[in-house]
């Protein structure tokens, strides 16, 4: 049965990128093939490879496509800043955030959208299994996650099963309102937009759905994990 050409016209997928030329083309083609009517915004944070060229090569074939070059616009680097810029540039009822390196399964977007349409404010992709990470990275991640939960508990804020997820969907109005009200608390040079949102949320004020998935190890390109990310997250704990 043919899919409705406007089935996902109420959604925008936001793809923050930094040197993802090995995967960005196949991600965008998969999205437009499987989610008709969806809008896609690629927010690039200063790629030095051919990410921009790979993405823009598809623009002529897809009307609902936007490429944002943050470096050219003079924007300070940061994954959270990229995600916020994408959200602000969107105009649909729902927004979905996903990495462009194939570590997040694009097939799960359907479940995220279903939850949002069912009335949830946030639909969070929750890692039930992480594959391909070395032990030291698993231990650091676990320690930071536990600290994050403690911070939210002490501040009496709302949480979910994966507070550091970079794969989630939301009502745009919720994210826009939160950023306009609490924008000074967001660490735009950081890497955990969802956590920065949750630390501003009173318990029970948002209806949150958890979408389990398997987080795959990176098969293309290089990991962006670094001490800088840890320091940015610690800063986020105290803002």
Protein backbone atom coordinates (compact mmCIF):
# COMPACT_ATOMS: atom_id res chain seq x y z
CA UNK A 1 0.00 0.00 0.00
CA UNK A 2 1.39 3.41 -0.96
CA UNK A 3 2.23 5.74 1.90
CA UNK A 4 0.44 9.03 2.36
CA UNK A 5 2.76 11.65 0.84
CA UNK A 6 2.06 13.96 3.80
CA UNK A 7 2.09 11.33 6.54
CA UNK A 8 4.88 13.07 8.48
CA UNK A 9 4.24 16.67 7.48
CA UNK A 10 3.79 17.63 11.15
CA UNK A 11 7.40 16.59 11.95
CA UNK A 12 10.89 18.00 11.48
CA UNK A 13 13.97 15.83 11.89
CA UNK A 14 17.00 17.77 13.13
CA UNK A 15 20.40 16.26 12.35
CA UNK A 16 23.38 17.97 14.02
CA UNK A 17 26.56 17.16 12.10
CA UNK A 18 30.32 17.43 12.41
CA UNK A 19 32.30 15.55 9.75
CA UNK A 20 29.64 13.00 8.85
CA UNK A 21 30.16 12.74 5.07
CA UNK A 22 30.32 8.93 5.28
CA UNK A 23 26.74 8.68 6.56
CA UNK A 24 24.76 11.89 6.02
CA UNK A 25 23.66 11.04 2.48
CA UNK A 26 22.34 7.59 3.30
CA UNK A 27 20.58 8.92 6.42
CA UNK A 28 18.75 11.65 4.50
CA UNK A 29 17.76 9.29 1.68
CA UNK A 30 16.42 6.76 4.20
CA UNK A 31 14.42 9.44 6.01
CA UNK A 32 12.72 10.86 2.92
CA UNK A 33 12.03 7.36 1.60
CA UNK A 34 10.44 6.09 4.81
CA UNK A 35 8.86 9.22 6.31
CA UNK A 36 7.00 11.01 3.50
CA UNK A 37 6.25 14.67 4.10
CA UNK A 38 8.82 15.09 6.87
CA UNK A 39 11.04 18.17 6.99
CA UNK A 40 14.78 17.75 7.56
CA UNK A 41 17.18 20.32 8.99
CA UNK A 42 20.91 19.55 8.97
CA UNK A 43 22.76 21.79 11.43
CA UNK A 44 26.47 21.66 10.76
CA UNK A 45 29.00 22.69 13.38
CA UNK A 46 32.03 23.39 11.20
CA UNK A 47 32.66 20.19 9.26
CA UNK A 48 35.99 20.09 7.42
CA UNK A 49 35.02 17.15 5.21
CA UNK A 50 32.36 17.06 2.48
CA UNK A 51 29.34 16.85 4.82
CA UNK A 52 27.88 20.09 3.46
CA UNK A 53 28.31 19.03 -0.17
CA UNK A 54 26.84 15.58 0.51
CA UNK A 55 23.80 17.06 2.24
CA UNK A 56 23.14 19.91 -0.18
CA UNK A 57 23.38 17.56 -3.16
CA UNK A 58 20.04 16.17 -1.99
CA UNK A 59 18.39 19.56 -1.46
CA UNK A 60 17.15 19.95 -5.03
CA UNK A 61 15.30 16.64 -4.80
CA UNK A 62 13.63 17.40 -1.47
CA UNK A 63 11.77 20.65 -0.98
CA UNK A 64 11.52 20.24 2.80
CA UNK A 65 15.26 20.38 3.45
CA UNK A 66 17.38 23.05 5.13
CA UNK A 67 21.13 23.18 5.74
CA UNK A 68 22.41 25.49 8.49
CA UNK A 69 26.13 26.30 8.47
CA UNK A 70 26.77 27.45 12.04
CA UNK A 71 30.44 28.25 11.49
CA UNK A 72 29.68 30.49 8.52
CA UNK A 73 27.07 32.24 10.66
CA UNK A 74 29.66 32.88 13.37
CA UNK A 75 27.98 30.62 15.93
CA UNK A 76 30.01 29.15 18.80
CA UNK A 77 30.56 25.41 18.42
CA UNK A 78 28.50 23.00 20.51
CA UNK A 79 26.06 20.16 20.01
CA UNK A 80 23.43 21.69 22.29
CA UNK A 81 23.70 24.96 20.38
CA UNK A 82 23.24 23.08 17.11
CA UNK A 83 20.13 21.34 18.37
CA UNK A 84 18.65 24.59 19.67
CA UNK A 85 19.35 26.32 16.34
CA UNK A 86 17.57 23.49 14.55
CA UNK A 87 14.58 23.71 16.86
CA UNK A 88 14.33 27.48 16.39
CA UNK A 89 14.49 27.09 12.59
CA UNK A 90 11.71 24.48 12.54
CA UNK A 91 8.02 25.25 12.00
CA UNK A 92 6.25 21.95 12.60
CA UNK A 93 4.30 20.71 15.62
CA UNK A 94 6.89 18.07 16.46
CA UNK A 95 10.68 17.99 16.29
CA UNK A 96 12.92 14.93 16.45
CA UNK A 97 16.65 14.93 17.16
CA UNK A 98 18.97 12.20 15.94
CA UNK A 99 22.71 11.77 15.40
CA UNK A 100 23.80 11.48 11.78
CA UNK A 101 26.37 8.72 12.38
CA UNK A 102 23.94 5.72 12.34
CA UNK A 103 24.33 5.07 16.07
CA UNK A 104 20.66 5.93 16.48
CA UNK A 105 18.24 3.66 14.56
CA UNK A 106 16.16 5.81 12.18
CA UNK A 107 13.51 3.10 12.10
CA UNK A 108 12.56 4.13 15.65
CA UNK A 109 11.42 7.56 14.50
CA UNK A 110 8.04 6.02 13.74
CA UNK A 111 7.58 5.05 17.42
CA UNK A 112 8.70 8.48 18.61
CA UNK A 113 6.17 10.20 16.37
CA UNK A 114 3.42 7.81 17.45
CA UNK A 115 4.02 8.71 21.11
CA UNK A 116 4.02 12.44 20.40
CA UNK A 117 0.77 12.19 18.47
CA UNK A 118 -0.69 10.24 21.39
CA UNK A 119 -0.21 13.29 23.60
CA UNK A 120 3.26 12.92 25.08
CA UNK A 121 5.35 16.08 25.41
CA UNK A 122 8.63 14.20 25.09
CA UNK A 123 9.38 10.81 23.52
CA UNK A 124 12.88 9.79 24.54
CA UNK A 125 14.98 7.11 22.89
CA UNK A 126 16.40 5.12 25.82
CA UNK A 127 19.51 3.01 25.37
CA UNK A 128 18.68 -0.48 26.67
CA UNK A 129 22.01 -1.74 25.33
CA UNK A 130 25.21 -0.02 24.18
CA UNK A 131 27.41 -1.85 21.72
CA UNK A 132 31.02 -1.22 20.78
CA UNK A 133 32.12 0.99 23.67
CA UNK A 134 35.36 0.21 25.56
CA UNK A 135 35.06 -0.46 29.28
CA UNK A 136 36.55 2.89 30.35
CA UNK A 137 33.95 4.79 28.34
CA UNK A 138 31.14 2.71 29.80
CA UNK A 139 32.39 3.46 33.32
CA UNK A 140 32.72 7.21 32.70
CA UNK A 141 29.28 7.32 31.12
CA UNK A 142 27.71 5.44 34.03
CA UNK A 143 29.33 7.77 36.57
CA UNK A 144 28.12 10.88 34.75
CA UNK A 145 24.60 9.50 34.32
CA UNK A 146 24.36 8.69 38.04
CA UNK A 147 25.56 12.20 38.85
CA UNK A 148 23.00 13.66 36.47
CA UNK A 149 20.17 11.75 38.15
CA UNK A 150 21.41 12.94 41.54
CA UNK A 151 21.41 16.56 40.36
CA UNK A 152 17.83 16.26 39.11
CA UNK A 153 16.73 14.54 42.32
CA UNK A 154 18.30 17.20 44.54
CA UNK A 155 16.71 19.95 42.47
CA UNK A 156 13.40 18.07 42.45
CA UNK A 157 13.20 18.06 38.67
CA UNK A 158 11.62 15.62 36.25
CA UNK A 159 13.64 12.75 34.80
CA UNK A 160 13.29 9.91 32.30
CA UNK A 161 15.03 6.58 31.72
CA UNK A 162 17.87 8.10 29.66
CA UNK A 163 18.50 11.69 30.74
CA UNK A 164 21.50 12.09 28.40
CA UNK A 165 19.82 10.76 25.27
CA UNK A 166 20.57 12.57 22.03
CA UNK A 167 17.75 10.72 20.27
CA UNK A 168 14.35 12.10 21.20
CA UNK A 169 11.27 13.89 19.97
CA UNK A 170 9.21 16.66 21.48
CA UNK A 171 6.40 19.09 20.94
CA UNK A 172 8.19 22.10 19.50
CA UNK A 173 6.08 24.43 21.63
CA UNK A 174 7.42 22.78 24.79
CA UNK A 175 11.08 23.16 23.81
CA UNK A 176 10.58 26.66 22.45
CA UNK A 177 8.81 27.82 25.60
CA UNK A 178 11.41 26.26 27.87
CA UNK A 179 14.30 27.84 25.96
CA UNK A 180 12.68 31.28 25.90
CA UNK A 181 12.05 31.09 29.63
CA UNK A 182 15.27 29.40 30.82
CA UNK A 183 17.68 29.99 27.93
CA UNK A 184 20.42 31.30 30.21
CA UNK A 185 20.70 27.89 31.89
CA UNK A 186 21.39 26.00 28.66
CA UNK A 187 25.08 25.25 28.06
CA UNK A 188 25.08 25.82 24.30
CA UNK A 189 28.73 24.74 24.02
CA UNK A 190 27.76 21.44 25.66
CA UNK A 191 26.40 18.13 24.44
CA UNK A 192 23.30 17.26 26.47
CA UNK A 193 20.32 19.28 25.27
CA UNK A 194 17.80 16.88 26.81
CA UNK A 195 19.42 17.13 30.25
CA UNK A 196 19.50 20.93 30.03
CA UNK A 197 15.78 20.81 29.31
CA UNK A 198 14.95 18.38 32.11
CA UNK A 199 16.81 20.42 34.74
CA UNK A 200 14.30 23.23 34.08
CA UNK A 201 11.21 21.03 34.37
CA UNK A 202 9.08 20.61 37.48
CA UNK A 203 8.09 17.01 38.36
CA UNK A 204 4.95 15.88 36.61
CA UNK A 205 4.75 18.92 34.33
CA UNK A 206 5.66 16.95 31.19
CA UNK A 207 4.24 13.69 29.92
CA UNK A 208 7.25 11.60 28.87
CA UNK A 209 7.37 8.37 26.87
CA UNK A 210 10.44 6.09 26.86
CA UNK A 211 11.33 4.37 23.58
CA UNK A 212 13.93 1.59 24.09
CA UNK A 213 16.56 0.98 21.42
CA UNK A 214 20.03 -0.51 20.92
CA UNK A 215 22.81 2.06 20.65
CA UNK A 216 25.20 0.83 17.98
CA UNK A 217 28.95 1.38 18.02
CA UNK A 218 30.27 3.86 15.48
CA UNK A 219 31.07 2.18 12.15
CA UNK A 220 31.97 5.33 10.21
CA UNK A 221 34.04 8.39 11.07
CA UNK A 222 35.60 9.24 14.41
CA UNK A 223 34.02 9.56 17.83
CA UNK A 224 33.56 13.12 19.15
CA UNK A 225 33.88 12.00 22.80
CA UNK A 226 36.49 14.01 24.69
CA UNK A 227 37.37 15.58 28.02
CA UNK A 228 35.73 18.76 26.70
CA UNK A 229 32.37 17.00 26.74
CA UNK A 230 32.83 15.93 30.35
CA UNK A 231 33.74 19.47 31.41
CA UNK A 232 30.73 20.90 29.56
CA UNK A 233 28.47 18.41 31.31
CA UNK A 234 29.87 19.30 34.73
CA UNK A 235 29.14 22.94 33.90
CA UNK A 236 25.60 21.95 33.02
CA UNK A 237 25.20 20.30 36.44
CA UNK A 238 25.75 23.66 38.13
CA UNK A 239 23.73 26.03 35.93
